[in-house]
Amino acid sequence: MPEVIFTLRWPDGATEQCYSPSTAIAEHLSAGATYPLAEFLVRSRAGLGAASERVRARYGFPCSRAMGQLARIEQAASSFTALPDAAVTVVALKS
């Protein structure tokens, strides 16, 4: 199962590399796309949840690293919820 490293640019300009255990994330996030913060969170939850489920289907247990990555994304996003036009850019997806 190929893992994916995806790079985000947060509303403050900071970049962060994130992990997905499978290419399922690419069904929800696109390289070069900018998403409003709320939409980005919905897509991240769906993509990392699907990736974790692929791990469960193959190995019998969910991917704790994917869920940890989602928790990190949600924590970072909480810093920007008060910004009316907060958006996150997916700079790259690399498998």
PDB file of N, CA and C in Angstrom:
ATOM      1  N   MET A   1       0.858  -1.169   0.000  1.00  0.00           N
ATOM      2  CA  MET A   1       0.000   0.000   0.000  1.00  0.00           C
ATOM      3  C   MET A   1       0.907   1.235   0.000  1.00  0.00           C
ATOM      4  N   PRO A   2       0.873   2.021  -1.064  1.00  0.00           N
ATOM      5  CA  PRO A   2       1.785   3.177  -1.130  1.00  0.00           C
ATOM      6  C   PRO A   2       1.324   4.320  -0.233  1.00  0.00           C
ATOM      7  N   GLU A   3       2.241   4.795   0.578  1.00  0.00           N
ATOM      8  CA  GLU A   3       1.932   5.946   1.428  1.00  0.00           C
ATOM      9  C   GLU A   3       2.045   7.221   0.609  1.00  0.00           C
ATOM     10  N   VAL A   4       1.448   8.283   1.114  1.00  0.00           N
ATOM     11  CA  VAL A   4       1.480   9.584   0.456  1.00  0.00           C
ATOM     12  C   VAL A   4       1.913  10.633   1.472  1.00  0.00           C
ATOM     13  N   ILE A   5       2.855  11.464   1.065  1.00  0.00           N
ATOM     14  CA  ILE A   5       3.228  12.640   1.847  1.00  0.00           C
ATOM     15  C   ILE A   5       2.603  13.824   1.128  1.00  0.00           C
ATOM     16  N   PHE A   6       1.795  14.590   1.854  1.00  0.00           N
ATOM     17  CA  PHE A   6       1.179  15.758   1.232  1.00  0.00           C
ATOM     18  C   PHE A   6       1.583  17.010   1.994  1.00  0.00           C
ATOM     19  N   THR A   7       1.844  18.053   1.242  1.00  0.00           N
ATOM     20  CA  THR A   7       2.323  19.305   1.814  1.00  0.00           C
ATOM     21  C   THR A   7       1.201  20.323   1.795  1.00  0.00           C
ATOM     22  N   LEU A   8       0.991  20.951   2.950  1.00  0.00           N
ATOM     23  CA  LEU A   8      -0.054  21.960   3.107  1.00  0.00           C
ATOM     24  C   LEU A   8       0.556  23.333   3.304  1.00  0.00           C
ATOM     25  N   ARG A   9      -0.159  24.349   2.858  1.00  0.00           N
ATOM     26  CA  ARG A   9       0.169  25.730   3.215  1.00  0.00           C
ATOM     27  C   ARG A   9      -1.024  26.268   3.994  1.00  0.00           C
ATOM     28  N   TRP A  10      -0.771  26.601   5.257  1.00  0.00           N
ATOM     29  CA  TRP A  10      -1.806  27.111   6.148  1.00  0.00           C
ATOM     30  C   TRP A  10      -2.078  28.585   5.852  1.00  0.00           C
ATOM     31  N   PRO A  11      -3.174  29.126   6.370  1.00  0.00           N
ATOM     32  CA  PRO A  11      -3.521  30.528   6.097  1.00  0.00           C
ATOM     33  C   PRO A  11      -2.446  31.541   6.495  1.00  0.00           C
ATOM     34  N   ASP A  12      -1.590  31.197   7.448  1.00  0.00           N
ATOM     35  CA  ASP A  12      -0.518  32.118   7.856  1.00  0.00           C
ATOM     36  C   ASP A  12       0.734  31.981   6.996  1.00  0.00           C
ATOM     37  N   GLY A  13       0.694  31.119   5.983  1.00  0.00           N
ATOM     38  CA  GLY A  13       1.827  30.924   5.086  1.00  0.00           C
ATOM     39  C   GLY A  13       2.759  29.797   5.483  1.00  0.00           C
ATOM     40  N   ALA A  14       2.593  29.257   6.683  1.00  0.00           N
ATOM     41  CA  ALA A  14       3.434  28.143   7.129  1.00  0.00           C
ATOM     42  C   ALA A  14       3.115  26.903   6.304  1.00  0.00           C
ATOM     43  N   THR A  15       4.141  26.090   6.031  1.00  0.00           N
ATOM     44  CA  THR A  15       3.925  24.832   5.325  1.00  0.00           C
ATOM     45  C   THR A  15       4.156  23.672   6.275  1.00  0.00           C
ATOM     46  N   GLU A  16       3.497  22.573   5.981  1.00  0.00           N
ATOM     47  CA  GLU A  16       3.596  21.380   6.819  1.00  0.00           C
ATOM     48  C   GLU A  16       3.479  20.144   5.945  1.00  0.00           C
ATOM     49  N   GLN A  17       4.337  19.169   6.200  1.00  0.00           N
ATOM     50  CA  GLN A  17       4.238  17.885   5.512  1.00  0.00           C
ATOM     51  C   GLN A  17       3.388  16.951   6.358  1.00  0.00           C
ATOM     52  N   CYS A  18       2.469  16.264   5.701  1.00  0.00           N
ATOM     53  CA  CYS A  18       1.539  15.369   6.372  1.00  0.00           C
ATOM     54  C   CYS A  18       1.624  13.980   5.751  1.00  0.00           C
ATOM     55  N   TYR A  19       1.116  12.993   6.488  1.00  0.00           N
ATOM     56  CA  TYR A  19       1.231  11.585   6.102  1.00  0.00           C
ATOM     57  C   TYR A  19      -0.137  10.953   5.894  1.00  0.00           C
ATOM     58  N   SER A  20      -0.249  10.144   4.856  1.00  0.00           N
ATOM     59  CA  SER A  20      -1.393   9.264   4.650  1.00  0.00           C
ATOM     60  C   SER A  20      -0.849   7.869   4.337  1.00  0.00           C
ATOM     61  N   PRO A  21      -1.429   6.828   4.935  1.00  0.00           N
ATOM     62  CA  PRO A  21      -0.929   5.476   4.684  1.00  0.00           C
ATOM     63  C   PRO A  21      -1.304   4.916   3.315  1.00  0.00           C
ATOM     64  N   SER A  22      -2.159   5.621   2.577  1.00  0.00           N
ATOM     65  CA  SER A  22      -2.522   5.131   1.245  1.00  0.00           C
ATOM     66  C   SER A  22      -2.874   6.296   0.330  1.00  0.00           C
ATOM     67  N   THR A  23      -3.033   5.972  -0.928  1.00  0.00           N
ATOM     68  CA  THR A  23      -3.382   6.983  -1.926  1.00  0.00           C
ATOM     69  C   THR A  23      -4.843   7.418  -1.828  1.00  0.00           C
ATOM     70  N   ALA A  24      -5.593   6.880  -0.896  1.00  0.00           N
ATOM     71  CA  ALA A  24      -6.997   7.277  -0.720  1.00  0.00           C
ATOM     72  C   ALA A  24      -7.126   8.779  -0.494  1.00  0.00           C
ATOM     73  N   ILE A  25      -6.129   9.393   0.098  1.00  0.00           N
ATOM     74  CA  ILE A  25      -6.178  10.834   0.351  1.00  0.00           C
ATOM     75  C   ILE A  25      -6.312  11.610  -0.960  1.00  0.00           C
ATOM     76  N   ALA A  26      -5.747  11.086  -2.036  1.00  0.00           N
ATOM     77  CA  ALA A  26      -5.786  11.775  -3.333  1.00  0.00           C
ATOM     78  C   ALA A  26      -7.187  11.791  -3.943  1.00  0.00           C
ATOM     79  N   GLU A  27      -8.094  10.995  -3.411  1.00  0.00           N
ATOM     80  CA  GLU A  27      -9.486  11.035  -3.855  1.00  0.00           C
ATOM     81  C   GLU A  27     -10.232  12.207  -3.216  1.00  0.00           C
ATOM     82  N   HIS A  28      -9.601  12.845  -2.222  1.00  0.00           N
ATOM     83  CA  HIS A  28     -10.260  13.908  -1.460  1.00  0.00           C
ATOM     84  C   HIS A  28      -9.528  15.242  -1.521  1.00  0.00           C
ATOM     85  N   LEU A  29      -8.226  15.205  -1.741  1.00  0.00           N
ATOM     86  CA  LEU A  29      -7.419  16.424  -1.840  1.00  0.00           C
ATOM     87  C   LEU A  29      -6.649  16.397  -3.156  1.00  0.00           C
ATOM     88  N   SER A  30      -6.530  17.554  -3.789  1.00  0.00           N
ATOM     89  CA  SER A  30      -5.802  17.654  -5.061  1.00  0.00           C
ATOM     90  C   SER A  30      -4.630  18.609  -4.926  1.00  0.00           C
ATOM     91  N   ALA A  31      -3.491  18.219  -5.468  1.00  0.00           N
ATOM     92  CA  ALA A  31      -2.314  19.088  -5.462  1.00  0.00           C
ATOM     93  C   ALA A  31      -2.631  20.375  -6.210  1.00  0.00           C
ATOM     94  N   GLY A  32      -2.248  21.489  -5.614  1.00  0.00           N
ATOM     95  CA  GLY A  32      -2.467  22.796  -6.220  1.00  0.00           C
ATOM     96  C   GLY A  32      -3.800  23.427  -5.862  1.00  0.00           C
ATOM     97  N   ALA A  33      -4.683  22.669  -5.248  1.00  0.00           N
ATOM     98  CA  ALA A  33      -6.009  23.193  -4.901  1.00  0.00           C
ATOM     99  C   ALA A  33      -5.963  23.949  -3.582  1.00  0.00           C
ATOM    100  N   THR A  34      -6.788  24.987  -3.499  1.00  0.00           N
ATOM    101  CA  THR A  34      -6.972  25.738  -2.265  1.00  0.00           C
ATOM    102  C   THR A  34      -8.412  25.540  -1.822  1.00  0.00           C
ATOM    103  N   TYR A  35      -8.576  25.155  -0.553  1.00  0.00           N
ATOM    104  CA  TYR A  35      -9.892  24.864  -0.005  1.00  0.00           C
ATOM    105  C   TYR A  35     -10.202  25.798   1.155  1.00  0.00           C
ATOM    106  N   PRO A  36     -11.441  26.291   1.246  1.00  0.00           N
ATOM    107  CA  PRO A  36     -11.843  26.989   2.464  1.00  0.00           C
ATOM    108  C   PRO A  36     -11.598  26.054   3.654  1.00  0.00           C
ATOM    109  N   LEU A  37     -11.251  26.618   4.785  1.00  0.00           N
ATOM    110  CA  LEU A  37     -10.843  25.818   5.939  1.00  0.00           C
ATOM    111  C   LEU A  37     -11.854  24.725   6.289  1.00  0.00           C
ATOM    112  N   ALA A  38     -13.126  25.066   6.374  1.00  0.00           N
ATOM    113  CA  ALA A  38     -14.134  24.064   6.749  1.00  0.00           C
ATOM    114  C   ALA A  38     -14.186  22.919   5.735  1.00  0.00           C
ATOM    115  N   GLU A  39     -14.123  23.243   4.457  1.00  0.00           N
ATOM    116  CA  GLU A  39     -14.137  22.205   3.418  1.00  0.00           C
ATOM    117  C   GLU A  39     -12.873  21.354   3.492  1.00  0.00           C
ATOM    118  N   PHE A  40     -11.736  22.003   3.733  1.00  0.00           N
ATOM    119  CA  PHE A  40     -10.485  21.263   3.867  1.00  0.00           C
ATOM    120  C   PHE A  40     -10.585  20.237   4.992  1.00  0.00           C
ATOM    121  N   LEU A  41     -11.167  20.631   6.117  1.00  0.00           N
ATOM    122  CA  LEU A  41     -11.293  19.699   7.240  1.00  0.00           C
ATOM    123  C   LEU A  41     -12.207  18.527   6.890  1.00  0.00           C
ATOM    124  N   VAL A  42     -13.310  18.790   6.216  1.00  0.00           N
ATOM    125  CA  VAL A  42     -14.211  17.707   5.794  1.00  0.00           C
ATOM    126  C   VAL A  42     -13.465  16.746   4.871  1.00  0.00           C
ATOM    127  N   ARG A  43     -12.734  17.288   3.910  1.00  0.00           N
ATOM    128  CA  ARG A  43     -11.991  16.460   2.960  1.00  0.00           C
ATOM    129  C   ARG A  43     -10.871  15.680   3.653  1.00  0.00           C
ATOM    130  N   SER A  44     -10.188  16.314   4.596  1.00  0.00           N
ATOM    131  CA  SER A  44      -9.112  15.635   5.326  1.00  0.00           C
ATOM    132  C   SER A  44      -9.655  14.482   6.154  1.00  0.00           C
ATOM    133  N   ARG A  45     -10.769  14.726   6.840  1.00  0.00           N
ATOM    134  CA  ARG A  45     -11.388  13.653   7.635  1.00  0.00           C
ATOM    135  C   ARG A  45     -11.788  12.478   6.745  1.00  0.00           C
ATOM    136  N   ALA A  46     -12.401  12.793   5.621  1.00  0.00           N
ATOM    137  CA  ALA A  46     -12.833  11.726   4.708  1.00  0.00           C
ATOM    138  C   ALA A  46     -11.636  10.978   4.129  1.00  0.00           C
ATOM    139  N   GLY A  47     -10.629  11.703   3.685  1.00  0.00           N
ATOM    140  CA  GLY A  47      -9.469  11.081   3.054  1.00  0.00           C
ATOM    141  C   GLY A  47      -8.638  10.251   4.005  1.00  0.00           C
ATOM    142  N   LEU A  48      -8.346  10.802   5.176  1.00  0.00           N
ATOM    143  CA  LEU A  48      -7.543  10.047   6.140  1.00  0.00           C
ATOM    144  C   LEU A  48      -8.354   8.913   6.756  1.00  0.00           C
ATOM    145  N   GLY A  49      -9.660   9.111   6.906  1.00  0.00           N
ATOM    146  CA  GLY A  49     -10.518   8.019   7.371  1.00  0.00           C
ATOM    147  C   GLY A  49     -10.539   6.872   6.375  1.00  0.00           C
ATOM    148  N   ALA A  50     -10.663   7.202   5.089  1.00  0.00           N
ATOM    149  CA  ALA A  50     -10.650   6.166   4.049  1.00  0.00           C
ATOM    150  C   ALA A  50      -9.302   5.456   4.003  1.00  0.00           C
ATOM    151  N   ALA A  51      -8.233   6.209   4.155  1.00  0.00           N
ATOM    152  CA  ALA A  51      -6.893   5.608   4.153  1.00  0.00           C
ATOM    153  C   ALA A  51      -6.737   4.648   5.327  1.00  0.00           C
ATOM    154  N   SER A  52      -7.217   5.064   6.494  1.00  0.00           N
ATOM    155  CA  SER A  52      -7.142   4.204   7.671  1.00  0.00           C
ATOM    156  C   SER A  52      -7.980   2.940   7.481  1.00  0.00           C
ATOM    157  N   GLU A  53      -9.133   3.075   6.837  1.00  0.00           N
ATOM    158  CA  GLU A  53      -9.979   1.902   6.570  1.00  0.00           C
ATOM    159  C   GLU A  53      -9.318   0.942   5.587  1.00  0.00           C
ATOM    160  N   ARG A  54      -8.563   1.463   4.634  1.00  0.00           N
ATOM    161  CA  ARG A  54      -7.816   0.573   3.723  1.00  0.00           C
ATOM    162  C   ARG A  54      -6.806  -0.256   4.507  1.00  0.00           C
ATOM    163  N   VAL A  55      -6.167   0.378   5.492  1.00  0.00           N
ATOM    164  CA  VAL A  55      -5.227  -0.355   6.349  1.00  0.00           C
ATOM    165  C   VAL A  55      -5.987  -1.426   7.128  1.00  0.00           C
ATOM    166  N   ARG A  56      -7.158  -1.054   7.680  1.00  0.00           N
ATOM    167  CA  ARG A  56      -7.957  -2.025   8.440  1.00  0.00           C
ATOM    168  C   ARG A  56      -8.338  -3.219   7.556  1.00  0.00           C
ATOM    169  N   ALA A  57      -8.746  -2.945   6.331  1.00  0.00           N
ATOM    170  CA  ALA A  57      -9.145  -4.025   5.421  1.00  0.00           C
ATOM    171  C   ALA A  57      -7.985  -4.965   5.125  1.00  0.00           C
ATOM    172  N   ARG A  58      -6.808  -4.412   5.050  1.00  0.00           N
ATOM    173  CA  ARG A  58      -5.649  -5.236   4.692  1.00  0.00           C
ATOM    174  C   ARG A  58      -5.017  -5.931   5.895  1.00  0.00           C
ATOM    175  N   TYR A  59      -4.913  -5.200   7.032  1.00  0.00           N
ATOM    176  CA  TYR A  59      -4.159  -5.718   8.172  1.00  0.00           C
ATOM    177  C   TYR A  59      -5.013  -6.052   9.396  1.00  0.00           C
ATOM    178  N   GLY A  60      -6.289  -5.688   9.357  1.00  0.00           N
ATOM    179  CA  GLY A  60      -7.170  -6.024  10.469  1.00  0.00           C
ATOM    180  C   GLY A  60      -7.263  -4.980  11.563  1.00  0.00           C
ATOM    181  N   PHE A  61      -6.594  -3.855  11.404  1.00  0.00           N
ATOM    182  CA  PHE A  61      -6.666  -2.773  12.398  1.00  0.00           C
ATOM    183  C   PHE A  61      -6.492  -1.441  11.679  1.00  0.00           C
ATOM    184  N   PRO A  62      -7.092  -0.376  12.223  1.00  0.00           N
ATOM    185  CA  PRO A  62      -6.977   0.936  11.577  1.00  0.00           C
ATOM    186  C   PRO A  62      -5.578   1.511  11.741  1.00  0.00           C
ATOM    187  N   CYS A  63      -5.278   2.530  10.975  1.00  0.00           N
ATOM    188  CA  CYS A  63      -3.959   3.157  11.027  1.00  0.00           C
ATOM    189  C   CYS A  63      -3.949   4.277  12.062  1.00  0.00           C
ATOM    190  N   SER A  64      -3.291   4.042  13.172  1.00  0.00           N
ATOM    191  CA  SER A  64      -3.225   5.060  14.223  1.00  0.00           C
ATOM    192  C   SER A  64      -2.428   6.281  13.764  1.00  0.00           C
ATOM    193  N   ARG A  65      -1.485   6.075  12.876  1.00  0.00           N
ATOM    194  CA  ARG A  65      -0.700   7.219  12.387  1.00  0.00           C
ATOM    195  C   ARG A  65      -1.569   8.163  11.548  1.00  0.00           C
ATOM    196  N   ALA A  66      -2.477   7.611  10.763  1.00  0.00           N
ATOM    197  CA  ALA A  66      -3.399   8.451   9.981  1.00  0.00           C
ATOM    198  C   ALA A  66      -4.310   9.243  10.908  1.00  0.00           C
ATOM    199  N   MET A  67      -4.801   8.596  11.954  1.00  0.00           N
ATOM    200  CA  MET A  67      -5.677   9.291  12.891  1.00  0.00           C
ATOM    201  C   MET A  67      -4.898  10.335  13.698  1.00  0.00           C
ATOM    202  N   GLY A  68      -3.630  10.049  13.982  1.00  0.00           N
ATOM    203  CA  GLY A  68      -2.775  11.042  14.630  1.00  0.00           C
ATOM    204  C   GLY A  68      -2.534  12.233  13.729  1.00  0.00           C
ATOM    205  N   GLN A  69      -2.363  11.980  12.440  1.00  0.00           N
ATOM    206  CA  GLN A  69      -2.176  13.072  11.484  1.00  0.00           C
ATOM    207  C   GLN A  69      -3.436  13.925  11.408  1.00  0.00           C
ATOM    208  N   LEU A  70      -4.585  13.289  11.398  1.00  0.00           N
ATOM    209  CA  LEU A  70      -5.836  14.034  11.374  1.00  0.00           C
ATOM    210  C   LEU A  70      -5.970  14.900  12.624  1.00  0.00           C
ATOM    211  N   ALA A  71      -5.619  14.362  13.771  1.00  0.00           N
ATOM    212  CA  ALA A  71      -5.679  15.149  15.008  1.00  0.00           C
ATOM    213  C   ALA A  71      -4.761  16.361  14.915  1.00  0.00           C
ATOM    214  N   ARG A  72      -3.588  16.187  14.344  1.00  0.00           N
ATOM    215  CA  ARG A  72      -2.649  17.301  14.179  1.00  0.00           C
ATOM    216  C   ARG A  72      -3.230  18.357  13.234  1.00  0.00           C
ATOM    217  N   ILE A  73      -3.825  17.924  12.143  1.00  0.00           N
ATOM    218  CA  ILE A  73      -4.451  18.854  11.198  1.00  0.00           C
ATOM    219  C   ILE A  73      -5.570  19.632  11.885  1.00  0.00           C
ATOM    220  N   GLU A  74      -6.418  18.929  12.635  1.00  0.00           N
ATOM    221  CA  GLU A  74      -7.523  19.603  13.318  1.00  0.00           C
ATOM    222  C   GLU A  74      -7.014  20.594  14.355  1.00  0.00           C
ATOM    223  N   GLN A  75      -5.942  20.236  15.049  1.00  0.00           N
ATOM    224  CA  GLN A  75      -5.368  21.144  16.046  1.00  0.00           C
ATOM    225  C   GLN A  75      -4.814  22.390  15.371  1.00  0.00           C
ATOM    226  N   ALA A  76      -4.086  22.213  14.284  1.00  0.00           N
ATOM    227  CA  ALA A  76      -3.521  23.360  13.569  1.00  0.00           C
ATOM    228  C   ALA A  76      -4.631  24.234  12.994  1.00  0.00           C
ATOM    229  N   ALA A  77      -5.662  23.619  12.456  1.00  0.00           N
ATOM    230  CA  ALA A  77      -6.771  24.369  11.858  1.00  0.00           C
ATOM    231  C   ALA A  77      -7.507  25.208  12.892  1.00  0.00           C
ATOM    232  N   SER A  78      -7.543  24.744  14.125  1.00  0.00           N
ATOM    233  CA  SER A  78      -8.263  25.484  15.169  1.00  0.00           C
ATOM    234  C   SER A  78      -7.692  26.881  15.380  1.00  0.00           C
ATOM    235  N   SER A  79      -6.447  27.093  15.001  1.00  0.00           N
ATOM    236  CA  SER A  79      -5.823  28.416  15.126  1.00  0.00           C
ATOM    237  C   SER A  79      -6.386  29.416  14.129  1.00  0.00           C
ATOM    238  N   PHE A  80      -7.072  28.937  13.100  1.00  0.00           N
ATOM    239  CA  PHE A  80      -7.517  29.808  12.012  1.00  0.00           C
ATOM    240  C   PHE A  80      -9.034  29.921  11.890  1.00  0.00           C
ATOM    241  N   THR A  81      -9.772  29.294  12.778  1.00  0.00           N
ATOM    242  CA  THR A  81     -11.231  29.280  12.636  1.00  0.00           C
ATOM    243  C   THR A  81     -11.853  30.667  12.748  1.00  0.00           C
ATOM    244  N   ALA A  82     -11.208  31.596  13.427  1.00  0.00           N
ATOM    245  CA  ALA A  82     -11.758  32.948  13.571  1.00  0.00           C
ATOM    246  C   ALA A  82     -11.530  33.806  12.326  1.00  0.00           C
ATOM    247  N   LEU A  83     -10.664  33.364  11.426  1.00  0.00           N
ATOM    248  CA  LEU A  83     -10.397  34.129  10.206  1.00  0.00           C
ATOM    249  C   LEU A  83     -11.517  33.871   9.199  1.00  0.00           C
ATOM    250  N   PRO A  84     -12.196  34.915   8.731  1.00  0.00           N
ATOM    251  CA  PRO A  84     -13.357  34.703   7.860  1.00  0.00           C
ATOM    252  C   PRO A  84     -13.041  34.047   6.513  1.00  0.00           C
ATOM    253  N   ASP A  85     -11.885  34.304   5.952  1.00  0.00           N
ATOM    254  CA  ASP A  85     -11.547  33.753   4.633  1.00  0.00           C
ATOM    255  C   ASP A  85     -10.407  32.741   4.707  1.00  0.00           C
ATOM    256  N   ALA A  86     -10.264  32.072   5.846  1.00  0.00           N
ATOM    257  CA  ALA A  86      -9.170  31.116   6.010  1.00  0.00           C
ATOM    258  C   ALA A  86      -9.274  30.007   4.970  1.00  0.00           C
ATOM    259  N   ALA A  87      -8.143  29.718   4.337  1.00  0.00           N
ATOM    260  CA  ALA A  87      -8.088  28.666   3.319  1.00  0.00           C
ATOM    261  C   ALA A  87      -6.760  27.936   3.431  1.00  0.00           C
ATOM    262  N   VAL A  88      -6.775  26.684   3.032  1.00  0.00           N
ATOM    263  CA  VAL A  88      -5.590  25.832   3.068  1.00  0.00           C
ATOM    264  C   VAL A  88      -5.297  25.378   1.643  1.00  0.00           C
ATOM    265  N   THR A  89      -4.030  25.482   1.255  1.00  0.00           N
ATOM    266  CA  THR A  89      -3.599  25.034  -0.068  1.00  0.00           C
ATOM    267  C   THR A  89      -2.859  23.712   0.062  1.00  0.00           C
ATOM    268  N   VAL A  90      -3.200  22.771  -0.792  1.00  0.00           N
ATOM    269  CA  VAL A  90      -2.454  21.515  -0.885  1.00  0.00           C
ATOM    270  C   VAL A  90      -1.366  21.770  -1.919  1.00  0.00           C
ATOM    271  N   VAL A  91      -0.154  21.947  -1.451  1.00  0.00           N
ATOM    272  CA  VAL A  91       0.964  22.296  -2.324  1.00  0.00           C
ATOM    273  C   VAL A  91       1.364  21.103  -3.187  1.00  0.00           C
ATOM    274  N   ALA A  92       1.424  19.919  -2.581  1.00  0.00           N
ATOM    275  CA  ALA A  92       1.880  18.729  -3.308  1.00  0.00           C
ATOM    276  C   ALA A  92       1.343  17.467  -2.655  1.00  0.00           C
ATOM    277  N   LEU A  93       1.215  16.429  -3.464  1.00  0.00           N
ATOM    278  CA  LEU A  93       0.910  15.067  -3.021  1.00  0.00           C
ATOM    279  C   LEU A  93       1.977  14.175  -3.648  1.00  0.00           C
ATOM    280  N   LYS A  94       2.738  13.475  -2.808  1.00  0.00           N
ATOM    281  CA  LYS A  94       3.808  12.619  -3.338  1.00  0.00           C
ATOM    282  C   LYS A  94       3.678  11.216  -2.776  1.00  0.00           C
ATOM    283  N   SER A  95       3.633  10.228  -3.683  1.00  0.00           N
ATOM    284  CA  SER A  95       3.576   8.838  -3.222  1.00  0.00           C
ATOM    285  C   SER A  95       4.867   8.137  -3.514  1.00  0.00           C
TER     286      SER A  95
END
